[in-house]
Amino acid sequence: MPPKSKVTLRAQWLGQSLRDLRDETGMTLARAGEFLQRNAATVSRFEAGEHPIRPPALLALPRLYGGSDPRKRDGVPRPAVAAGL
């Protein structure tokens, strides 16, 4: 069995930001997963910081959750910022 990867504070913060946006819109994990073509468990792991979120998903989810409202979308960091670059 491979060693369990450590959850970073940055990943937890990013995941919590995404979850807060999703909760504000009342969207389910299942709907977010459908949008990303992933299952709800994967989206849950993104939000818990247990699974790395790739840049395309990181850009897509705030658009889904915030629509055209930049105040909602801009609360989530861009991939380069999230990666610490």
Protein backbone atom coordinates (compact mmCIF):
# COMPACT_ATOMS: atom_id res chain seq x y z
CA MET A 1 0.00 0.00 0.00
CA PRO A 2 1.49 3.38 -0.99
CA PRO A 3 2.17 5.89 1.77
CA LYS A 4 -0.65 8.33 2.41
CA SER A 5 0.11 11.79 1.06
CA LYS A 6 0.05 14.68 3.47
CA VAL A 7 -2.66 17.29 3.27
CA THR A 8 -1.13 20.75 3.03
CA LEU A 9 -2.53 23.87 4.59
CA ARG A 10 -2.65 25.48 1.13
CA ALA A 11 -4.69 22.58 -0.27
CA GLN A 12 -7.08 22.78 2.69
CA TRP A 13 -7.49 26.53 2.24
CA LEU A 14 -8.13 26.20 -1.48
CA GLY A 15 -10.58 23.35 -0.95
CA GLN A 16 -12.45 25.30 1.72
CA SER A 17 -12.70 28.29 -0.63
CA LEU A 18 -14.21 26.06 -3.30
CA ARG A 19 -16.60 24.45 -0.83
CA ASP A 20 -17.73 27.84 0.47
CA LEU A 21 -18.54 28.93 -3.09
CA ARG A 22 -20.41 25.69 -3.76
CA ASP A 23 -22.37 25.98 -0.53
CA GLU A 24 -23.33 29.59 -1.31
CA THR A 25 -24.93 28.48 -4.56
CA GLY A 26 -26.62 25.45 -3.02
CA MET A 27 -24.98 23.16 -5.55
CA THR A 28 -24.47 19.50 -4.71
CA LEU A 29 -21.23 17.56 -4.91
CA ALA A 30 -22.89 15.35 -7.50
CA ARG A 31 -23.69 18.32 -9.79
CA ALA A 32 -20.15 19.72 -9.47
CA GLY A 33 -18.74 16.27 -10.21
CA GLU A 34 -20.99 15.91 -13.24
CA PHE A 35 -19.76 19.27 -14.52
CA LEU A 36 -16.12 18.15 -14.15
CA GLN A 37 -16.86 14.64 -15.39
CA ARG A 38 -15.72 13.27 -12.03
CA ASN A 39 -17.64 11.63 -9.24
CA ALA A 40 -18.86 13.41 -6.13
CA ALA A 41 -16.22 11.70 -3.98
CA THR A 42 -13.44 13.25 -6.07
CA VAL A 43 -14.90 16.73 -5.67
CA SER A 44 -15.19 16.07 -1.93
CA ARG A 45 -11.50 15.13 -1.83
CA PHE A 46 -10.64 18.36 -3.72
CA GLU A 47 -12.54 20.32 -1.07
CA ALA A 48 -10.85 18.46 1.79
CA GLY A 49 -7.42 19.09 0.26
CA GLU A 50 -6.81 15.34 0.04
CA HIS A 51 -6.56 15.19 -3.75
CA PRO A 52 -4.71 17.73 -5.91
CA ILE A 53 -6.96 19.79 -8.12
CA ARG A 54 -5.67 20.36 -11.63
CA PRO A 55 -5.69 23.85 -13.20
CA PRO A 56 -8.57 23.18 -15.64
CA ALA A 57 -10.85 22.17 -12.76
CA LEU A 58 -9.60 25.04 -10.62
CA LEU A 59 -10.59 27.47 -13.36
CA ALA A 60 -13.90 25.75 -14.17
CA LEU A 61 -15.41 25.40 -10.69
CA PRO A 62 -15.47 29.10 -9.75
CA ARG A 63 -17.11 29.82 -13.11
CA LEU A 64 -19.72 27.17 -12.39
CA TYR A 65 -20.31 28.39 -8.84
CA GLY A 66 -20.05 32.12 -9.45
CA GLY A 67 -21.37 32.35 -12.98
CA SER A 68 -20.57 35.79 -14.31
CA ASP A 69 -20.18 37.39 -10.86
CA PRO A 70 -16.47 38.32 -10.59
CA ARG A 71 -16.81 38.92 -6.82
CA LYS A 72 -17.49 35.21 -6.34
CA ARG A 73 -15.00 33.96 -8.92
CA ASP A 74 -12.14 36.17 -7.75
CA GLY A 75 -12.21 34.69 -4.24
CA VAL A 76 -10.49 31.57 -5.53
CA PRO A 77 -6.81 31.86 -6.47
CA ARG A 78 -5.54 31.26 -9.96
CA PRO A 79 -3.55 28.05 -10.61
CA ALA A 80 -0.14 29.75 -10.53
CA VAL A 81 -0.94 31.36 -7.19
CA ALA A 82 -2.35 28.10 -5.80
CA ALA A 83 0.77 26.24 -6.91
CA GLY A 84 2.97 28.74 -5.10
CA LEU A 85 4.55 30.07 -8.30
